[in-house]
N, C-alpha and C. Protein backbone atom coordinates (compact mmCIF):
# COMPACT_ATOMS: atom_id res chain seq x y z
N MET A 1 36.03 52.08 59.76
CA MET A 1 34.82 51.60 58.04
C MET A 1 33.89 50.97 58.42
N GLN A 2 33.00 51.13 59.79
CA GLN A 2 31.40 51.23 60.25
C GLN A 2 31.01 52.14 60.00
N ARG A 3 31.77 52.86 59.98
CA ARG A 3 31.03 54.22 60.23
C ARG A 3 31.45 55.18 58.41
N TYR A 4 31.97 55.30 58.18
CA TYR A 4 31.86 55.70 56.18
C TYR A 4 31.60 54.84 55.47
N MET A 5 30.81 53.68 55.92
CA MET A 5 30.82 51.79 55.29
C MET A 5 29.50 52.79 53.43
N LYS A 6 28.77 53.75 54.50
CA LYS A 6 27.46 53.41 53.99
C LYS A 6 27.27 55.17 53.76
N PRO A 7 27.91 55.58 54.08
CA PRO A 7 27.89 56.70 52.98
C PRO A 7 28.22 57.03 52.20
N LEU A 8 29.37 56.37 51.70
CA LEU A 8 30.47 55.72 50.61
C LEU A 8 29.99 54.87 49.01
N LEU A 9 29.52 54.02 50.18
CA LEU A 9 28.60 53.74 49.10
C LEU A 9 27.66 54.12 48.32
N GLN A 10 26.37 54.71 49.06
CA GLN A 10 25.58 55.89 48.15
C GLN A 10 26.93 56.46 47.27
N ARG A 11 27.49 57.81 47.78
CA ARG A 11 27.99 58.43 47.17
C ARG A 11 29.19 57.52 46.02
N ILE A 12 28.52 56.34 46.09
CA ILE A 12 29.43 55.50 44.86
C ILE A 12 28.10 55.07 43.86
N GLU A 13 27.24 54.83 44.74
CA GLU A 13 25.79 54.51 43.37
C GLU A 13 25.59 55.65 42.76
N ARG A 14 25.83 56.68 44.05
CA ARG A 14 25.56 58.24 42.53
C ARG A 14 26.31 59.10 41.28
N GLY A 15 27.22 58.43 41.48
CA GLY A 15 27.96 58.36 40.45
C GLY A 15 29.48 59.91 41.14
N GLU A 16 28.87 60.40 42.13
CA GLU A 16 30.49 61.00 42.89
C GLU A 16 31.04 60.98 43.08
N ILE A 17 31.69 59.65 43.43
CA ILE A 17 33.23 58.63 43.63
C ILE A 17 33.35 57.69 42.52
N ASP A 18 34.01 57.72 42.22
CA ASP A 18 34.48 56.12 40.53
C ASP A 18 35.91 55.77 41.67
N PRO A 19 35.02 54.22 42.71
CA PRO A 19 36.18 53.99 43.19
C PRO A 19 37.66 53.28 41.88
N THR A 20 37.39 53.24 40.58
CA THR A 20 38.38 52.04 39.85
C THR A 20 39.06 53.23 39.97
N ARG A 21 39.48 54.31 39.84
CA ARG A 21 39.89 55.70 39.80
C ARG A 21 41.36 55.17 40.97
N ILE A 22 41.32 54.53 41.74
CA ILE A 22 42.49 53.92 42.72
C ILE A 22 43.04 53.03 42.26
N ILE A 23 42.57 51.98 40.72
CA ILE A 23 43.57 50.93 39.78
C ILE A 23 44.73 50.70 39.82
N THR A 24 45.64 50.14 39.82
CA THR A 24 46.93 50.08 39.77
C THR A 24 46.69 49.35 38.71
N HIS A 25 46.53 48.26 39.21
CA HIS A 25 47.32 46.94 38.20
C HIS A 25 46.11 45.88 38.62
N THR A 26 45.99 45.08 37.13
CA THR A 26 44.89 44.25 37.31
C THR A 26 45.86 43.08 37.05
N LEU A 27 45.48 41.67 37.19
CA LEU A 27 46.15 40.67 37.70
C LEU A 27 44.88 39.30 37.77
N PRO A 28 45.67 38.16 36.28
CA PRO A 28 44.75 36.60 36.74
C PRO A 28 45.60 36.27 37.60
N LEU A 29 43.71 35.83 38.29
CA LEU A 29 44.31 34.80 39.68
C LEU A 29 44.94 34.92 39.30
N ASP A 30 45.36 34.08 38.71
CA ASP A 30 46.45 32.22 39.13
C ASP A 30 47.81 33.94 40.03
N GLU A 31 48.39 35.31 39.44
CA GLU A 31 49.31 35.82 40.05
C GLU A 31 49.27 36.81 41.28
N ALA A 32 47.86 36.15 41.43
CA ALA A 32 47.77 36.83 42.58
C ALA A 32 48.74 36.65 43.56
N GLU A 33 49.77 35.95 43.83
CA GLU A 33 51.23 36.05 45.17
C GLU A 33 52.09 37.46 43.71
N ARG A 34 51.92 37.73 42.93
CA ARG A 34 53.02 38.38 42.51
C ARG A 34 52.22 39.56 42.65
N GLY A 35 50.59 39.77 42.81
CA GLY A 35 50.44 40.86 43.05
C GLY A 35 50.23 41.59 44.35
N PHE A 36 50.26 40.70 44.44
CA PHE A 36 50.32 40.94 47.13
C PHE A 36 51.36 41.89 46.41
N GLU A 37 53.09 40.98 46.03
CA GLU A 37 54.20 41.28 46.49
C GLU A 37 54.28 42.53 45.26
N ILE A 38 53.24 43.08 44.96
CA ILE A 38 53.33 44.72 43.60
C ILE A 38 53.00 45.68 45.10
N PHE A 39 51.78 45.17 45.52
CA PHE A 39 50.91 45.55 46.21
C PHE A 39 51.84 46.17 47.69
N LYS A 40 52.69 45.36 48.18
CA LYS A 40 53.00 44.78 50.32
C LYS A 40 54.87 46.46 49.84
N ASN A 41 55.03 46.15 48.69
CA ASN A 41 56.31 46.70 48.27
C ASN A 41 56.71 47.77 47.56
N LYS A 42 54.94 47.83 47.07
CA LYS A 42 54.87 49.38 46.76
C LYS A 42 55.45 50.08 45.35
N GLN A 43 55.99 48.25 44.74
CA GLN A 43 56.18 48.35 43.25
C GLN A 43 55.48 48.80 42.62
N ASP A 44 55.61 49.50 41.63
CA ASP A 44 55.31 50.56 40.32
C ASP A 44 54.54 51.77 40.52
N ASP A 45 54.83 51.90 42.27
CA ASP A 45 52.90 52.51 41.81
C ASP A 45 52.80 52.39 42.30
N CYS A 46 52.15 51.08 42.60
CA CYS A 46 50.99 50.44 42.98
C CYS A 46 49.90 51.02 43.83
N GLU A 47 48.46 51.18 43.86
CA GLU A 47 47.80 51.99 45.09
C GLU A 47 46.51 50.46 45.06
N LYS A 48 46.25 49.36 44.11
CA LYS A 48 45.28 48.83 44.45
C LYS A 48 45.18 47.76 43.30
N VAL A 49 45.80 46.57 43.91
CA VAL A 49 45.36 45.62 42.60
C VAL A 49 43.87 44.63 42.83
N VAL A 50 42.78 44.20 41.04
CA VAL A 50 42.61 43.71 41.30
C VAL A 50 42.93 43.06 40.90
N LEU A 51 42.34 41.09 41.76
CA LEU A 51 42.32 39.97 40.52
C LEU A 51 40.87 39.89 39.64
N LYS A 52 41.44 38.46 38.22
CA LYS A 52 40.20 38.61 37.81
C LYS A 52 40.22 37.06 38.02
N PRO A 53 39.07 36.48 37.54
CA PRO A 53 39.18 35.07 38.47
C PRO A 53 39.20 34.81 36.51
């Protein structure tokens, strides 16, 4: 992870990579437990859950 973090961040900053492409689910913070279950069980083709405060 440490080896790749800086080059990845640089590519994101330059607009070469869009990390939001992997976000498949956005849930409110109070649904964190449900979000974890969706991710853990790969339900609904889940790749990445983002929790909003």
